[in-house]
Amino acid sequence: MDHIYASAIRIAEKVVPDEVDLAPAIIDSALAGGRQWKDLLQPVQGSELGGVFGGIEGGDLVAVINAIQESTSILANLLSMSSAVLSVIVSFLVIRERNELDQKLETLNEGDADKLKIAISSTSQHLVELGIKVERADEMSRLTIQALLEDPQNSKKFLVELSKKQ
């Protein structure tokens, strides 16, 4: 289970550093599933998520973990690429400008570029559905995928565990 916590903390550090301390409790809730996880996904004030924890500031880590859960097969497909391709993709994901990122993706073969675009889009879409603004959701999606790709072996195990509670 340590790899699950390590993955959740790595994602929190990259995407929502203010919520790192909450990562173990949030991942425990996600893995437990059921009412506790559903409560955590419920808005408590406007678009703030938090249920069980009494209003996690912004609820961004809850949203990220849920978006990963909803996109596990797509993200697993991305993680199945060669380590050389994954290294190139990680270097691309630090690019903030959408047009520049699209230009860099053209250097990948079409299938790999498509896998990445689908993963970013899927994760971002789930974040938007949970109340995250589109621009922030795109950034969070890129950062989440970057965190997953930095340790593909543990990330694969992380996705397997999360997919069990969909």
N, C-alpha and C. Protein backbone atom coordinates (compact mmCIF):
# COMPACT_ATOMS: atom_id res chain seq x y z
N MET A 1 0.82 -1.21 0.00
CA MET A 1 0.00 0.00 0.00
C MET A 1 0.85 1.26 0.00
N ASP A 2 2.12 1.14 0.40
CA ASP A 2 2.97 2.33 0.45
C ASP A 2 3.07 3.02 -0.90
N HIS A 3 3.10 2.23 -1.99
CA HIS A 3 3.19 2.83 -3.32
C HIS A 3 1.93 3.64 -3.65
N ILE A 4 0.81 3.26 -3.09
CA ILE A 4 -0.43 4.00 -3.32
C ILE A 4 -0.33 5.38 -2.66
N TYR A 5 0.10 5.39 -1.40
CA TYR A 5 0.27 6.67 -0.69
C TYR A 5 1.35 7.52 -1.35
N ALA A 6 2.44 6.89 -1.76
CA ALA A 6 3.53 7.64 -2.41
C ALA A 6 3.03 8.29 -3.70
N SER A 7 2.23 7.56 -4.46
CA SER A 7 1.68 8.12 -5.70
C SER A 7 0.73 9.28 -5.41
N ALA A 8 -0.14 9.11 -4.43
CA ALA A 8 -1.09 10.18 -4.08
C ALA A 8 -0.35 11.42 -3.59
N ILE A 9 0.67 11.23 -2.79
CA ILE A 9 1.45 12.37 -2.29
C ILE A 9 2.21 13.04 -3.43
N ARG A 10 2.80 12.25 -4.34
CA ARG A 10 3.52 12.81 -5.49
C ARG A 10 2.57 13.66 -6.35
N ILE A 11 1.37 13.17 -6.56
CA ILE A 11 0.39 13.92 -7.34
C ILE A 11 0.01 15.21 -6.61
N ALA A 12 -0.25 15.10 -5.32
CA ALA A 12 -0.61 16.29 -4.54
C ALA A 12 0.51 17.32 -4.57
N GLU A 13 1.75 16.88 -4.40
CA GLU A 13 2.88 17.82 -4.43
C GLU A 13 2.97 18.57 -5.74
N LYS A 14 2.67 17.89 -6.82
CA LYS A 14 2.79 18.50 -8.15
C LYS A 14 1.57 19.36 -8.48
N VAL A 15 0.37 18.90 -8.10
CA VAL A 15 -0.86 19.54 -8.57
C VAL A 15 -1.46 20.51 -7.55
N VAL A 16 -1.54 20.08 -6.30
CA VAL A 16 -2.16 20.90 -5.24
C VAL A 16 -1.31 20.81 -3.96
N PRO A 17 -0.16 21.48 -3.95
CA PRO A 17 0.77 21.36 -2.83
C PRO A 17 0.16 21.72 -1.47
N ASP A 18 -0.84 22.56 -1.45
CA ASP A 18 -1.48 22.94 -0.18
C ASP A 18 -2.28 21.79 0.43
N GLU A 19 -2.53 20.73 -0.33
CA GLU A 19 -3.35 19.62 0.14
C GLU A 19 -2.54 18.33 0.35
N VAL A 20 -1.22 18.42 0.34
CA VAL A 20 -0.38 17.23 0.49
C VAL A 20 -0.70 16.48 1.78
N ASP A 21 -0.90 17.19 2.87
CA ASP A 21 -1.18 16.53 4.15
C ASP A 21 -2.47 15.72 4.12
N LEU A 22 -3.38 16.08 3.24
CA LEU A 22 -4.66 15.39 3.15
C LEU A 22 -4.62 14.16 2.24
N ALA A 23 -3.54 14.01 1.48
CA ALA A 23 -3.47 12.95 0.47
C ALA A 23 -3.73 11.55 1.04
N PRO A 24 -3.11 11.16 2.16
CA PRO A 24 -3.39 9.80 2.67
C PRO A 24 -4.87 9.59 3.03
N ALA A 25 -5.47 10.56 3.68
CA ALA A 25 -6.89 10.42 4.06
C ALA A 25 -7.79 10.39 2.84
N ILE A 26 -7.48 11.20 1.85
CA ILE A 26 -8.28 11.25 0.63
C ILE A 26 -8.15 9.94 -0.14
N ILE A 27 -6.93 9.42 -0.24
CA ILE A 27 -6.76 8.16 -0.98
C ILE A 27 -7.41 7.01 -0.22
N ASP A 28 -7.35 7.03 1.12
CA ASP A 28 -8.05 6.00 1.90
C ASP A 28 -9.55 6.03 1.60
N SER A 29 -10.11 7.23 1.54
CA SER A 29 -11.52 7.38 1.25
C SER A 29 -11.86 6.88 -0.16
N ALA A 30 -11.00 7.24 -1.12
CA ALA A 30 -11.23 6.80 -2.51
C ALA A 30 -11.17 5.28 -2.62
N LEU A 31 -10.21 4.68 -1.92
CA LEU A 31 -10.06 3.23 -1.98
C LEU A 31 -11.19 2.51 -1.25
N ALA A 32 -11.71 3.15 -0.20
CA ALA A 32 -12.83 2.56 0.54
C ALA A 32 -14.11 2.63 -0.30
N GLY A 33 -14.21 3.71 -1.08
CA GLY A 33 -15.40 3.90 -1.91
C GLY A 33 -16.63 4.11 -1.07
N GLY A 34 -17.76 3.75 -1.61
CA GLY A 34 -19.01 3.83 -0.87
C GLY A 34 -19.41 5.24 -0.48
N ARG A 35 -20.19 5.29 0.58
CA ARG A 35 -20.78 6.55 1.04
C ARG A 35 -19.73 7.60 1.42
N GLN A 36 -18.65 7.16 2.07
CA GLN A 36 -17.62 8.11 2.50
C GLN A 36 -17.03 8.86 1.30
N TRP A 37 -16.73 8.14 0.24
CA TRP A 37 -16.16 8.77 -0.95
C TRP A 37 -17.20 9.65 -1.65
N LYS A 38 -18.43 9.16 -1.76
CA LYS A 38 -19.48 9.96 -2.38
C LYS A 38 -19.72 11.25 -1.60
N ASP A 39 -19.71 11.16 -0.27
CA ASP A 39 -19.87 12.36 0.55
C ASP A 39 -18.75 13.36 0.30
N LEU A 40 -17.55 12.85 0.15
CA LEU A 40 -16.39 13.72 -0.08
C LEU A 40 -16.51 14.46 -1.41
N LEU A 41 -17.18 13.86 -2.37
CA LEU A 41 -17.34 14.48 -3.68
C LEU A 41 -18.49 15.48 -3.75
N GLN A 42 -19.28 15.57 -2.68
CA GLN A 42 -20.42 16.49 -2.68
C GLN A 42 -19.98 17.92 -2.38
N PRO A 43 -20.51 18.89 -3.13
CA PRO A 43 -20.20 20.29 -2.83
C PRO A 43 -20.73 20.66 -1.44
N VAL A 44 -19.92 21.43 -0.71
CA VAL A 44 -20.38 21.90 0.60
C VAL A 44 -20.60 23.41 0.62
N GLN A 45 -19.93 24.14 -0.27
CA GLN A 45 -20.14 25.57 -0.44
C GLN A 45 -19.81 25.90 -1.88
N GLY A 46 -20.76 26.28 -2.64
CA GLY A 46 -20.50 26.59 -4.04
C GLY A 46 -19.89 25.38 -4.73
N SER A 47 -18.71 25.58 -5.31
CA SER A 47 -18.06 24.46 -6.01
C SER A 47 -17.03 23.76 -5.12
N GLU A 48 -16.95 24.15 -3.85
CA GLU A 48 -16.00 23.52 -2.93
C GLU A 48 -16.44 22.11 -2.61
N LEU A 49 -15.52 21.17 -2.74
CA LEU A 49 -15.80 19.79 -2.39
C LEU A 49 -15.30 19.54 -0.98
N GLY A 50 -15.91 18.61 -0.27
CA GLY A 50 -15.33 18.35 1.02
C GLY A 50 -16.08 17.44 1.94
N GLY A 51 -17.36 17.29 1.84
CA GLY A 51 -18.16 16.41 2.66
C GLY A 51 -17.57 15.97 3.98
N VAL A 52 -16.99 14.80 4.02
CA VAL A 52 -16.50 14.16 5.23
C VAL A 52 -15.49 15.00 5.99
N PHE A 53 -14.61 15.68 5.29
CA PHE A 53 -13.55 16.43 5.94
C PHE A 53 -13.98 17.85 6.27
N GLY A 54 -15.25 18.16 6.13
CA GLY A 54 -15.76 19.46 6.52
C GLY A 54 -15.30 20.60 5.63
N GLY A 55 -15.08 20.35 4.39
CA GLY A 55 -14.74 21.41 3.45
C GLY A 55 -13.26 21.55 3.23
N ILE A 56 -12.72 20.70 2.41
CA ILE A 56 -11.31 20.83 2.04
C ILE A 56 -11.22 22.05 1.15
N GLU A 57 -10.28 22.91 1.43
CA GLU A 57 -10.11 24.15 0.67
C GLU A 57 -10.08 23.84 -0.82
N GLY A 58 -11.13 24.20 -1.52
CA GLY A 58 -11.20 24.00 -2.95
C GLY A 58 -11.48 22.56 -3.37
N GLY A 59 -11.13 21.60 -2.53
CA GLY A 59 -11.37 20.20 -2.85
C GLY A 59 -10.64 19.73 -4.09
N ASP A 60 -9.56 20.40 -4.47
CA ASP A 60 -8.90 20.06 -5.72
C ASP A 60 -8.30 18.66 -5.72
N LEU A 61 -7.70 18.22 -4.63
CA LEU A 61 -7.12 16.88 -4.63
C LEU A 61 -8.20 15.81 -4.73
N VAL A 62 -9.31 16.03 -4.09
CA VAL A 62 -10.45 15.10 -4.21
C VAL A 62 -10.87 15.02 -5.67
N ALA A 63 -10.97 16.17 -6.32
CA ALA A 63 -11.36 16.22 -7.73
C ALA A 63 -10.32 15.51 -8.61
N VAL A 64 -9.04 15.73 -8.33
CA VAL A 64 -7.98 15.09 -9.12
C VAL A 64 -8.03 13.57 -8.97
N ILE A 65 -8.15 13.09 -7.74
CA ILE A 65 -8.21 11.64 -7.52
C ILE A 65 -9.44 11.05 -8.22
N ASN A 66 -10.57 11.76 -8.14
CA ASN A 66 -11.76 11.27 -8.82
C ASN A 66 -11.57 11.27 -10.34
N ALA A 67 -10.95 12.32 -10.88
CA ALA A 67 -10.71 12.37 -12.33
C ALA A 67 -9.78 11.23 -12.76
N ILE A 68 -8.79 10.93 -11.93
CA ILE A 68 -7.90 9.79 -12.24
C ILE A 68 -8.72 8.50 -12.22
N GLN A 69 -9.55 8.35 -11.20
CA GLN A 69 -10.40 7.16 -11.10
C GLN A 69 -11.27 6.98 -12.33
N GLU A 70 -11.83 8.07 -12.80
CA GLU A 70 -12.72 8.02 -13.96
C GLU A 70 -11.97 7.81 -15.28
N SER A 71 -10.66 8.01 -15.25
CA SER A 71 -9.85 7.91 -16.47
C SER A 71 -8.80 6.82 -16.39
N THR A 72 -8.97 5.86 -15.48
CA THR A 72 -7.90 4.87 -15.25
C THR A 72 -7.50 4.10 -16.51
N SER A 73 -8.45 3.67 -17.31
CA SER A 73 -8.08 2.87 -18.49
C SER A 73 -7.32 3.73 -19.51
N ILE A 74 -7.72 4.96 -19.67
CA ILE A 74 -7.02 5.87 -20.60
C ILE A 74 -5.62 6.17 -20.09
N LEU A 75 -5.49 6.42 -18.79
CA LEU A 75 -4.18 6.71 -18.22
C LEU A 75 -3.28 5.48 -18.24
N ALA A 76 -3.85 4.30 -18.00
CA ALA A 76 -3.07 3.07 -18.07
C ALA A 76 -2.55 2.84 -19.48
N ASN A 77 -3.35 3.18 -20.46
CA ASN A 77 -2.94 3.06 -21.86
C ASN A 77 -1.74 3.97 -22.13
N LEU A 78 -1.77 5.16 -21.57
CA LEU A 78 -0.66 6.10 -21.71
C LEU A 78 0.60 5.54 -21.05
N LEU A 79 0.44 4.97 -19.87
CA LEU A 79 1.59 4.43 -19.13
C LEU A 79 2.19 3.19 -19.78
N SER A 80 1.49 2.61 -20.73
CA SER A 80 2.00 1.41 -21.41
C SER A 80 3.04 1.73 -22.48
N MET A 81 3.26 3.01 -22.76
CA MET A 81 4.24 3.39 -23.78
C MET A 81 5.65 3.15 -23.26
N SER A 82 6.60 3.15 -24.16
CA SER A 82 8.00 2.91 -23.78
C SER A 82 8.51 4.01 -22.87
N SER A 83 9.51 3.68 -22.07
CA SER A 83 10.06 4.67 -21.14
C SER A 83 10.68 5.84 -21.87
N ALA A 84 11.24 5.61 -23.06
CA ALA A 84 11.83 6.70 -23.83
C ALA A 84 10.74 7.70 -24.24
N VAL A 85 9.62 7.20 -24.71
CA VAL A 85 8.51 8.07 -25.12
C VAL A 85 7.95 8.80 -23.89
N LEU A 86 7.83 8.08 -22.77
CA LEU A 86 7.31 8.71 -21.55
C LEU A 86 8.22 9.85 -21.09
N SER A 87 9.52 9.68 -21.21
CA SER A 87 10.47 10.74 -20.83
C SER A 87 10.28 11.98 -21.69
N VAL A 88 10.09 11.76 -22.97
CA VAL A 88 9.86 12.88 -23.90
C VAL A 88 8.55 13.59 -23.52
N ILE A 89 7.52 12.82 -23.25
CA ILE A 89 6.22 13.40 -22.90
C ILE A 89 6.32 14.21 -21.62
N VAL A 90 7.03 13.71 -20.61
CA VAL A 90 7.19 14.46 -19.37
C VAL A 90 7.84 15.81 -19.65
N SER A 91 8.83 15.84 -20.52
CA SER A 91 9.48 17.11 -20.85
C SER A 91 8.52 18.06 -21.57
N PHE A 92 7.58 17.52 -22.32
CA PHE A 92 6.60 18.34 -23.02
C PHE A 92 5.55 18.92 -22.06
N LEU A 93 5.20 18.16 -21.03
CA LEU A 93 4.10 18.56 -20.16
C LEU A 93 4.41 19.79 -19.30
N VAL A 94 5.65 20.19 -19.23
CA VAL A 94 5.99 21.41 -18.49
C VAL A 94 5.65 22.67 -19.29
N ILE A 95 5.38 22.48 -20.57
CA ILE A 95 5.02 23.60 -21.45
C ILE A 95 3.60 24.04 -21.13
N ARG A 96 3.45 25.29 -20.79
CA ARG A 96 2.13 25.81 -20.41
C ARG A 96 1.31 26.25 -21.62
N GLU A 97 1.96 26.79 -22.62
CA GLU A 97 1.27 27.33 -23.78
C GLU A 97 0.73 26.21 -24.65
N ARG A 98 -0.57 26.18 -24.86
CA ARG A 98 -1.24 25.11 -25.61
C ARG A 98 -0.68 24.93 -27.02
N ASN A 99 -0.47 26.05 -27.74
CA ASN A 99 0.03 25.96 -29.11
C ASN A 99 1.44 25.38 -29.16
N GLU A 100 2.28 25.79 -28.20
CA GLU A 100 3.64 25.26 -28.15
C GLU A 100 3.62 23.76 -27.83
N LEU A 101 2.75 23.35 -26.92
CA LEU A 101 2.62 21.94 -26.59
C LEU A 101 2.18 21.15 -27.82
N ASP A 102 1.19 21.66 -28.54
CA ASP A 102 0.71 20.98 -29.75
C ASP A 102 1.83 20.83 -30.78
N GLN A 103 2.67 21.87 -30.91
CA GLN A 103 3.80 21.79 -31.85
C GLN A 103 4.79 20.71 -31.42
N LYS A 104 5.07 20.63 -30.13
CA LYS A 104 5.99 19.60 -29.63
C LYS A 104 5.42 18.20 -29.84
N LEU A 105 4.12 18.07 -29.65
CA LEU A 105 3.48 16.76 -29.81
C LEU A 105 3.58 16.24 -31.24
N GLU A 106 3.73 17.15 -32.19
CA GLU A 106 3.87 16.75 -33.59
C GLU A 106 5.15 15.95 -33.81
N THR A 107 6.12 16.07 -32.89
CA THR A 107 7.36 15.31 -33.03
C THR A 107 7.20 13.85 -32.60
N LEU A 108 6.12 13.55 -31.89
CA LEU A 108 5.82 12.16 -31.51
C LEU A 108 5.10 11.47 -32.65
N ASN A 109 5.11 10.14 -32.65
CA ASN A 109 4.29 9.49 -33.67
C ASN A 109 2.82 9.76 -33.32
N GLU A 110 1.99 9.69 -34.30
CA GLU A 110 0.59 10.10 -34.14
C GLU A 110 -0.14 9.33 -33.04
N GLY A 111 0.10 8.05 -32.94
CA GLY A 111 -0.57 7.23 -31.93
C GLY A 111 -0.21 7.66 -30.51
N ASP A 112 1.07 7.93 -30.26
CA ASP A 112 1.50 8.36 -28.93
C ASP A 112 0.94 9.74 -28.60
N ALA A 113 0.98 10.63 -29.57
CA ALA A 113 0.44 11.97 -29.36
C ALA A 113 -1.06 11.91 -29.06
N ASP A 114 -1.76 11.05 -29.77
CA ASP A 114 -3.20 10.90 -29.55
C ASP A 114 -3.49 10.36 -28.15
N LYS A 115 -2.70 9.37 -27.70
CA LYS A 115 -2.89 8.84 -26.35
C LYS A 115 -2.75 9.93 -25.30
N LEU A 116 -1.75 10.78 -25.48
CA LEU A 116 -1.53 11.87 -24.52
C LEU A 116 -2.68 12.88 -24.58
N LYS A 117 -3.08 13.27 -25.78
CA LYS A 117 -4.18 14.24 -25.91
C LYS A 117 -5.47 13.71 -25.29
N ILE A 118 -5.75 12.43 -25.52
CA ILE A 118 -6.95 11.82 -24.96
C ILE A 118 -6.88 11.79 -23.43
N ALA A 119 -5.70 11.45 -22.90
CA ALA A 119 -5.53 11.40 -21.44
C ALA A 119 -5.72 12.78 -20.82
N ILE A 120 -5.12 13.80 -21.43
CA ILE A 120 -5.27 15.17 -20.91
C ILE A 120 -6.72 15.59 -20.99
N SER A 121 -7.35 15.35 -22.13
CA SER A 121 -8.73 15.75 -22.34
C SER A 121 -9.69 15.06 -21.37
N SER A 122 -9.53 13.76 -21.21
CA SER A 122 -10.41 12.99 -20.34
C SER A 122 -10.30 13.45 -18.89
N THR A 123 -9.08 13.56 -18.41
CA THR A 123 -8.86 13.98 -17.03
C THR A 123 -9.38 15.40 -16.82
N SER A 124 -9.10 16.27 -17.75
CA SER A 124 -9.56 17.66 -17.65
C SER A 124 -11.09 17.74 -17.66
N GLN A 125 -11.72 16.97 -18.52
CA GLN A 125 -13.18 16.96 -18.60
C GLN A 125 -13.80 16.55 -17.27
N HIS A 126 -13.25 15.53 -16.63
CA HIS A 126 -13.77 15.10 -15.33
C HIS A 126 -13.59 16.18 -14.27
N LEU A 127 -12.48 16.90 -14.33
CA LEU A 127 -12.25 18.00 -13.39
C LEU A 127 -13.27 19.11 -13.60
N VAL A 128 -13.55 19.42 -14.85
CA VAL A 128 -14.54 20.46 -15.16
C VAL A 128 -15.92 20.04 -14.64
N GLU A 129 -16.25 18.76 -14.80
CA GLU A 129 -17.53 18.26 -14.30
C GLU A 129 -17.66 18.39 -12.78
N LEU A 130 -16.52 18.45 -12.10
CA LEU A 130 -16.53 18.61 -10.64
C LEU A 130 -16.40 20.07 -10.22
N GLY A 131 -16.51 20.98 -11.18
CA GLY A 131 -16.56 22.40 -10.85
C GLY A 131 -15.25 23.16 -11.01
N ILE A 132 -14.22 22.54 -11.53
CA ILE A 132 -12.95 23.22 -11.76
C ILE A 132 -13.06 24.00 -13.08
N LYS A 133 -12.58 25.23 -13.09
CA LYS A 133 -12.61 26.03 -14.32
C LYS A 133 -11.73 25.39 -15.39
N VAL A 134 -12.14 25.53 -16.65
CA VAL A 134 -11.51 24.85 -17.77
C VAL A 134 -10.00 25.06 -17.82
N GLU A 135 -9.55 26.29 -17.73
CA GLU A 135 -8.12 26.57 -17.82
C GLU A 135 -7.35 25.88 -16.70
N ARG A 136 -7.87 25.97 -15.49
CA ARG A 136 -7.23 25.32 -14.34
C ARG A 136 -7.30 23.79 -14.49
N ALA A 137 -8.41 23.28 -14.99
CA ALA A 137 -8.55 21.83 -15.19
C ALA A 137 -7.51 21.31 -16.18
N ASP A 138 -7.26 22.05 -17.26
CA ASP A 138 -6.24 21.65 -18.24
C ASP A 138 -4.86 21.60 -17.59
N GLU A 139 -4.56 22.63 -16.80
CA GLU A 139 -3.26 22.68 -16.12
C GLU A 139 -3.14 21.53 -15.11
N MET A 140 -4.19 21.31 -14.32
CA MET A 140 -4.18 20.24 -13.33
C MET A 140 -4.04 18.88 -14.01
N SER A 141 -4.68 18.72 -15.14
CA SER A 141 -4.61 17.46 -15.90
C SER A 141 -3.18 17.21 -16.36
N ARG A 142 -2.54 18.21 -16.93
CA ARG A 142 -1.15 18.06 -17.39
C ARG A 142 -0.23 17.72 -16.22
N LEU A 143 -0.40 18.42 -15.10
CA LEU A 143 0.44 18.17 -13.93
C LEU A 143 0.21 16.78 -13.34
N THR A 144 -1.05 16.35 -13.32
CA THR A 144 -1.38 15.02 -12.82
C THR A 144 -0.72 13.95 -13.67
N ILE A 145 -0.84 14.09 -14.98
CA ILE A 145 -0.24 13.11 -15.89
C ILE A 145 1.28 13.14 -15.77
N GLN A 146 1.85 14.33 -15.62
CA GLN A 146 3.29 14.44 -15.43
C GLN A 146 3.71 13.68 -14.17
N ALA A 147 2.98 13.85 -13.08
CA ALA A 147 3.29 13.16 -11.83
C ALA A 147 3.18 11.64 -12.01
N LEU A 148 2.17 11.19 -12.71
CA LEU A 148 2.02 9.74 -12.95
C LEU A 148 3.17 9.19 -13.79
N LEU A 149 3.58 9.95 -14.80
CA LEU A 149 4.62 9.48 -15.71
C LEU A 149 6.01 9.50 -15.08
N GLU A 150 6.19 10.27 -14.02
CA GLU A 150 7.49 10.33 -13.36
C GLU A 150 7.84 9.02 -12.66
N ASP A 151 6.85 8.22 -12.33
CA ASP A 151 7.08 6.91 -11.71
C ASP A 151 6.06 5.93 -12.29
N PRO A 152 6.27 5.53 -13.54
CA PRO A 152 5.26 4.73 -14.23
C PRO A 152 4.94 3.39 -13.56
N GLN A 153 5.92 2.75 -12.97
CA GLN A 153 5.66 1.43 -12.35
C GLN A 153 4.69 1.57 -11.18
N ASN A 154 4.98 2.49 -10.26
CA ASN A 154 4.08 2.68 -9.12
C ASN A 154 2.75 3.30 -9.56
N SER A 155 2.79 4.11 -10.59
CA SER A 155 1.55 4.71 -11.09
C SER A 155 0.61 3.66 -11.66
N LYS A 156 1.18 2.64 -12.30
CA LYS A 156 0.35 1.55 -12.83
C LYS A 156 -0.36 0.84 -11.68
N LYS A 157 0.36 0.57 -10.59
CA LYS A 157 -0.24 -0.07 -9.41
C LYS A 157 -1.30 0.84 -8.79
N PHE A 158 -1.01 2.12 -8.76
CA PHE A 158 -1.95 3.12 -8.23
C PHE A 158 -3.25 3.09 -9.03
N LEU A 159 -3.14 3.06 -10.35
CA LEU A 159 -4.34 3.03 -11.21
C LEU A 159 -5.12 1.74 -11.02
N VAL A 160 -4.43 0.63 -10.86
CA VAL A 160 -5.12 -0.65 -10.63
C VAL A 160 -5.95 -0.58 -9.35
N GLU A 161 -5.35 -0.05 -8.28
CA GLU A 161 -6.08 0.05 -7.01
C GLU A 161 -7.28 0.99 -7.13
N LEU A 162 -7.08 2.13 -7.77
CA LEU A 162 -8.20 3.08 -7.93
C LEU A 162 -9.31 2.51 -8.80
N SER A 163 -8.94 1.75 -9.81
CA SER A 163 -9.96 1.22 -10.74
C SER A 163 -10.86 0.19 -10.05
N LYS A 164 -10.40 -0.40 -8.97
CA LYS A 164 -11.21 -1.38 -8.25
C LYS A 164 -12.42 -0.75 -7.58
N LYS A 165 -12.40 0.54 -7.36
CA LYS A 165 -13.48 1.23 -6.65
C LYS A 165 -14.29 2.16 -7.55
N GLN A 166 -14.29 1.91 -8.84
CA GLN A 166 -15.07 2.75 -9.74
C GLN A 166 -16.53 2.41 -9.65
